Amino acid sequence: MEHGVFRLYKHRKNIKLTQCCCSQTPTHTHTQLLTTYLSLTHITGSSSVSRLCPAGCASCSALNGCLSCKPRLFFHLELDGIRQRGTCLSSCPQGHYGMRSPQVNTCTRCKEDCAFCFSDNFCTRCHQGHFLLRGKCDNSCPNGLTANTALRECTECPVGCEVCVRRNVCVKCRADFYFLHGQCHPTCPSGSEPDVQLMQCIPQVHCEVGEWTEWGPCIRKRRMQAYRRGEETRTRQVLQPPSVFGDPCPHVAEFRRCVIKMRQSPSRL
């Protein structure tokens, strides 16, 4: 981790504060340097307590902004063009965490791969391309965990799940499991049936038929030898065909024997 190191320059009775980076600077050194800076500004008399100081400042200077903060506030350096100015905040900005000490409360930058952190050793959200696991950020997840790009964390998926967005919401199942409503099932539950091509559980659909029609006219069939004997028919429509494992449709046509009525000839009328 890289921490800011403060360099002090005394010029025309003013103290200029700049910041540079060096690798692996301990956090306590960061605080000591900042404390030294604040002490020097008080010694040289460049600080002043004025009603013109920004809110939260206990002392300030026109060049460097806040030099010390009121109790319980955090001292933070903000970039103002090419210069850094001190500010006093009730909470530290994104990418920083608050560090309290008897001398001064400061905002310290999180580690490079960490977007939000609680302390130097505990991250709460990672930068894009990194995944959170037990307070640490890494660019990959160990076996058995899914790299969740939406949450930027290593997520422990439920049994049978290959990719999940939350611990109990799956988006892709293993090859031998069926997907249904964000869950993975070895067999489809009651009311559903497997789609073996998509490896999903789909709703089971049973056949539905409409009402019977009226009986049709009595018609003589060639196979019937008896005189004036015929057959009449009625049908019903299929309203909803069944799915593969749904209840099949019942018969949709019925036949019954009938007697053909004799037509009266016009000569008998």
Protein backbone atom coordinates (compact mmCIF):
# COMPACT_ATOMS: atom_id res chain seq x y z
CA MET A 1 0.00 0.00 0.00
CA GLU A 2 1.17 3.53 -0.72
CA HIS A 3 0.60 6.25 1.89
CA GLY A 4 0.98 9.97 1.42
CA VAL A 5 4.14 11.49 2.93
CA PHE A 6 4.03 15.18 3.69
CA ARG A 7 6.92 17.44 2.79
CA LEU A 8 7.27 20.79 4.52
CA TYR A 9 8.64 23.92 2.89
CA LYS A 10 9.14 27.21 4.75
CA HIS A 11 8.88 30.18 2.43
CA ARG A 12 8.23 33.83 3.36
CA LYS A 13 6.93 32.90 6.81
CA ASN A 14 4.38 30.50 5.30
CA ILE A 15 4.40 26.74 5.38
CA LYS A 16 3.60 25.01 2.11
CA LEU A 17 2.32 21.46 2.29
CA THR A 18 2.83 19.04 -0.59
CA GLN A 19 2.35 15.32 -0.79
CA CYS A 20 4.33 12.65 -2.55
CA CYS A 21 4.06 8.91 -2.60
CA CYS A 22 6.49 6.29 -1.50
CA SER A 23 5.94 2.58 -1.16
CA GLN A 24 5.21 0.84 2.08
CA THR A 25 5.18 3.89 4.36
CA PRO A 26 3.65 2.89 7.73
CA THR A 27 0.43 4.59 8.76
CA HIS A 28 1.96 5.85 12.01
CA THR A 29 4.63 7.71 9.97
CA HIS A 30 1.83 9.39 8.01
CA THR A 31 0.32 10.63 11.28
CA GLN A 32 3.67 11.71 12.74
CA LEU A 33 4.52 13.78 9.66
CA LEU A 34 1.12 15.42 9.68
CA THR A 35 1.49 16.20 13.40
CA THR A 36 4.94 17.66 12.74
CA TYR A 37 3.48 19.84 10.00
CA LEU A 38 0.75 21.15 12.27
CA SER A 39 3.25 21.82 15.05
CA LEU A 40 5.55 23.77 12.74
CA THR A 41 2.75 25.92 11.42
CA HIS A 42 1.82 26.90 14.98
CA ILE A 43 5.45 27.61 15.89
CA THR A 44 6.02 29.88 12.89
CA GLY A 45 2.80 31.73 13.58
CA SER A 46 1.38 31.14 10.07
CA SER A 47 -1.83 29.72 11.47
CA SER A 48 -4.64 31.86 12.73
CA VAL A 49 -7.98 31.37 14.42
CA SER A 50 -10.40 33.45 12.42
CA ARG A 51 -14.04 33.68 11.63
CA LEU A 52 -12.92 33.42 8.00
CA CYS A 53 -11.73 29.82 8.48
CA PRO A 54 -13.79 27.12 6.73
CA ALA A 55 -16.38 25.30 8.82
CA GLY A 56 -14.86 22.78 11.20
CA CYS A 57 -11.40 24.35 11.28
CA ALA A 58 -9.85 25.17 14.62
CA SER A 59 -7.05 27.08 12.86
CA CYS A 60 -6.22 27.84 9.24
CA SER A 61 -4.05 29.77 6.84
CA ALA A 62 -4.81 31.39 3.51
CA LEU A 63 -2.25 29.21 1.75
CA ASN A 64 -2.91 25.79 3.26
CA GLY A 65 -6.55 25.95 4.37
CA CYS A 66 -7.33 24.16 7.61
CA LEU A 67 -4.36 23.50 9.84
CA SER A 68 -6.20 21.89 12.73
CA CYS A 69 -9.74 20.67 13.27
CA LYS A 70 -12.35 20.99 15.94
CA PRO A 71 -12.81 17.95 18.23
CA ARG A 72 -13.90 14.66 16.61
CA LEU A 73 -13.49 15.97 13.05
CA PHE A 74 -11.06 14.38 10.58
CA PHE A 75 -8.26 16.29 8.86
CA HIS A 76 -8.19 15.60 5.12
CA LEU A 77 -6.12 16.98 2.24
CA GLU A 78 -8.07 17.95 -0.89
CA LEU A 79 -6.53 18.77 -4.25
CA ASP A 80 -7.01 22.43 -5.21
CA GLY A 81 -5.44 22.76 -8.66
CA ILE A 82 -1.81 21.78 -8.14
CA ARG A 83 -1.95 22.54 -4.41
CA GLN A 84 -3.40 20.51 -1.56
CA ARG A 85 -5.47 22.26 1.06
CA GLY A 86 -6.49 20.99 4.48
CA THR A 87 -10.18 20.42 5.24
CA CYS A 88 -12.04 19.19 8.32
CA LEU A 89 -14.76 16.57 7.81
CA SER A 90 -17.21 14.72 10.03
CA SER A 91 -16.57 11.54 7.98
CA CYS A 92 -13.90 10.61 5.48
CA PRO A 93 -14.63 10.61 1.72
CA GLN A 94 -14.85 7.56 -0.52
CA GLY A 95 -11.62 5.61 -0.68
CA HIS A 96 -10.49 6.73 2.79
CA TYR A 97 -11.03 5.62 6.36
CA GLY A 98 -10.91 7.62 9.57
CA MET A 99 -7.95 7.11 11.88
CA ARG A 100 -8.04 8.67 15.35
CA SER A 101 -5.05 9.49 17.55
CA PRO A 102 -4.47 11.73 20.60
CA GLN A 103 -2.73 14.31 18.40
CA VAL A 104 -4.94 14.49 15.31
CA ASN A 105 -7.72 12.59 13.54
CA THR A 106 -6.87 11.96 9.88
CA CYS A 107 -8.39 10.46 6.74
CA THR A 108 -6.14 7.71 5.40
CA ARG A 109 -6.39 6.30 1.89
CA CYS A 110 -7.58 2.71 1.41
CA LYS A 111 -5.41 0.18 -0.33
CA GLU A 112 -5.05 0.49 -4.12
CA ASP A 113 -7.56 -2.26 -5.05
CA CYS A 114 -10.11 -1.18 -2.41
CA ALA A 115 -12.90 1.35 -3.15
CA PHE A 116 -14.33 1.48 0.40
CA CYS A 117 -12.65 0.34 3.59
CA PHE A 118 -13.21 0.23 7.33
CA SER A 119 -9.52 0.19 8.15
CA ASP A 120 -6.19 -0.46 6.49
CA ASN A 121 -6.72 -4.23 6.72
CA PHE A 122 -10.46 -4.50 6.09
CA CYS A 123 -12.04 -3.56 2.77
CA THR A 124 -15.84 -3.34 2.34
CA ARG A 125 -16.03 -2.85 -1.46
CA CYS A 126 -13.47 -3.43 -4.19
CA HIS A 127 -12.64 -1.57 -7.38
CA GLN A 128 -13.93 -3.00 -10.65
CA GLY A 129 -12.08 -6.15 -11.68
CA HIS A 130 -11.47 -7.17 -8.05
CA PHE A 131 -13.60 -9.29 -5.75
CA LEU A 132 -14.12 -9.04 -2.01
CA LEU A 133 -13.59 -12.00 0.31
CA ARG A 134 -13.22 -11.66 4.09
CA GLY A 135 -12.23 -8.00 3.90
CA LYS A 136 -9.61 -8.50 1.15
CA CYS A 137 -9.75 -7.74 -2.59
CA ASP A 138 -8.36 -10.04 -5.24
CA ASN A 139 -8.67 -10.35 -9.02
CA SER A 140 -10.03 -13.92 -8.78
CA CYS A 141 -11.99 -16.13 -6.38
CA PRO A 142 -10.95 -19.48 -4.87
CA ASN A 143 -12.55 -22.76 -5.95
CA GLY A 144 -16.15 -23.17 -4.85
CA LEU A 145 -16.91 -19.44 -4.99
CA THR A 146 -18.23 -17.34 -7.87
CA ALA A 147 -16.67 -14.04 -8.94
CA ASN A 148 -19.73 -11.79 -8.79
CA THR A 149 -19.09 -8.84 -11.12
CA ALA A 150 -22.26 -7.00 -10.01
CA LEU A 151 -21.41 -7.07 -6.29
CA ARG A 152 -17.62 -7.25 -6.84
CA GLU A 153 -17.31 -10.03 -4.31
CA CYS A 154 -16.71 -13.77 -4.11
CA THR A 155 -20.13 -15.30 -3.59
CA GLU A 156 -20.82 -18.71 -2.12
CA CYS A 157 -23.48 -20.16 -4.43
CA PRO A 158 -26.13 -22.70 -3.35
CA VAL A 159 -25.83 -26.42 -4.12
CA GLY A 160 -25.98 -27.14 -7.85
CA CYS A 161 -25.40 -23.51 -8.85
CA GLU A 162 -22.51 -22.54 -11.10
CA VAL A 163 -23.07 -18.75 -11.25
CA CYS A 164 -25.10 -16.69 -8.78
CA VAL A 165 -25.76 -12.99 -8.16
CA ARG A 166 -26.52 -13.46 -4.47
CA ARG A 167 -26.11 -16.34 -2.07
CA ASN A 168 -29.67 -17.57 -2.69
CA VAL A 169 -30.22 -16.39 -6.30
CA CYS A 170 -28.68 -18.48 -9.07
CA VAL A 171 -28.47 -17.51 -12.76
CA LYS A 172 -26.77 -20.63 -14.13
CA CYS A 173 -26.94 -24.20 -12.86
CA ARG A 174 -24.49 -27.05 -13.19
CA ALA A 175 -24.92 -29.33 -16.19
CA ASP A 176 -26.89 -31.98 -14.24
CA PHE A 177 -29.33 -29.57 -12.54
CA TYR A 178 -32.53 -27.91 -13.75
CA PHE A 179 -33.10 -24.16 -13.34
CA LEU A 180 -36.35 -22.79 -11.85
CA HIS A 181 -36.96 -19.31 -10.35
CA GLY A 182 -33.32 -18.66 -9.43
CA GLN A 183 -32.81 -22.11 -7.89
CA CYS A 184 -31.23 -25.35 -9.13
CA HIS A 185 -33.00 -28.69 -8.76
CA PRO A 186 -31.79 -32.26 -9.43
CA THR A 187 -35.38 -33.06 -10.44
CA CYS A 188 -38.21 -30.66 -11.21
CA PRO A 189 -40.68 -30.10 -8.36
CA SER A 190 -44.39 -30.90 -8.52
CA GLY A 191 -46.29 -28.78 -11.00
CA SER A 192 -43.34 -28.46 -13.35
CA GLU A 193 -41.51 -30.70 -15.79
CA PRO A 194 -37.98 -30.78 -17.25
CA ASP A 195 -36.99 -29.20 -20.54
CA VAL A 196 -33.94 -31.32 -21.33
CA GLN A 197 -32.74 -28.99 -24.10
CA LEU A 198 -32.72 -25.82 -22.00
CA MET A 199 -32.17 -27.68 -18.70
CA GLN A 200 -35.02 -25.72 -17.11
CA CYS A 201 -38.14 -26.65 -15.20
CA ILE A 202 -41.15 -25.40 -17.12
CA PRO A 203 -44.80 -25.30 -15.95
CA GLN A 204 -46.64 -28.57 -16.47
CA VAL A 205 -49.71 -28.03 -18.66
CA HIS A 206 -52.70 -30.37 -18.74
CA CYS A 207 -55.10 -30.74 -21.64
CA GLU A 208 -58.31 -28.73 -21.60
CA VAL A 209 -61.31 -29.39 -23.86
CA GLY A 210 -64.52 -27.51 -24.55
CA GLU A 211 -68.18 -28.55 -24.38
CA TRP A 212 -69.76 -31.15 -26.63
CA THR A 213 -71.57 -29.99 -29.73
CA GLU A 214 -75.11 -31.11 -30.51
CA TRP A 215 -75.53 -34.53 -32.13
CA GLY A 216 -75.20 -34.34 -35.88
CA PRO A 217 -77.61 -35.78 -38.46
CA CYS A 218 -78.19 -39.52 -38.68
CA ILE A 219 -76.16 -40.78 -41.61
CA ARG A 220 -76.25 -44.29 -43.08
CA LYS A 221 -72.87 -45.95 -43.27
CA ARG A 222 -71.98 -48.52 -45.90
CA ARG A 223 -70.85 -50.95 -43.28
CA MET A 224 -74.34 -50.99 -41.79
CA GLN A 225 -76.48 -53.69 -43.41
CA ALA A 226 -79.69 -52.92 -41.58
CA TYR A 227 -82.16 -50.80 -43.47
CA ARG A 228 -82.68 -47.30 -42.09
CA ARG A 229 -79.88 -47.72 -39.57
CA GLY A 230 -77.29 -44.93 -39.34
CA GLU A 231 -74.82 -43.16 -37.10
CA GLU A 232 -74.68 -39.68 -35.62
CA THR A 233 -71.66 -37.82 -34.24
CA ARG A 234 -70.81 -35.06 -31.80
CA THR A 235 -67.40 -33.42 -31.10
CA ARG A 236 -65.59 -31.06 -28.77
CA GLN A 237 -62.54 -28.84 -29.34
CA VAL A 238 -59.16 -28.93 -27.61
CA LEU A 239 -58.76 -25.58 -25.83
CA GLN A 240 -55.30 -26.23 -24.37
CA PRO A 241 -52.96 -28.95 -25.65
CA PRO A 242 -50.89 -30.67 -22.93
CA SER A 243 -47.16 -30.37 -22.34
CA VAL A 244 -44.91 -33.41 -22.68
CA PHE A 245 -45.64 -34.71 -19.18
CA GLY A 246 -49.08 -33.14 -18.75
CA ASP A 247 -52.37 -35.06 -18.63
CA PRO A 248 -53.34 -36.12 -22.18
CA CYS A 249 -56.54 -35.03 -23.87
CA PRO A 250 -59.66 -37.23 -23.56
CA HIS A 251 -61.48 -38.33 -26.74
CA VAL A 252 -62.93 -35.45 -28.69
CA ALA A 253 -65.52 -37.31 -30.79
CA GLU A 254 -68.43 -39.63 -29.90
CA PHE A 255 -70.62 -41.80 -32.15
CA ARG A 256 -73.93 -43.49 -31.61
CA ARG A 257 -76.37 -45.47 -33.72
CA CYS A 258 -79.57 -43.91 -34.88
CA VAL A 259 -82.63 -44.55 -37.06
CA ILE A 260 -82.89 -42.65 -40.31
CA LYS A 261 -86.19 -40.91 -40.58
CA MET A 262 -88.18 -41.63 -43.74
CA ARG A 263 -88.86 -38.70 -45.97
CA GLN A 264 -92.47 -38.29 -47.08
CA SER A 265 -92.92 -38.16 -50.86
CA PRO A 266 -94.78 -35.17 -52.32
CA SER A 267 -97.44 -37.50 -53.85
CA ARG A 268 -98.55 -38.55 -50.34
CA LEU A 269 -99.07 -35.02 -49.17
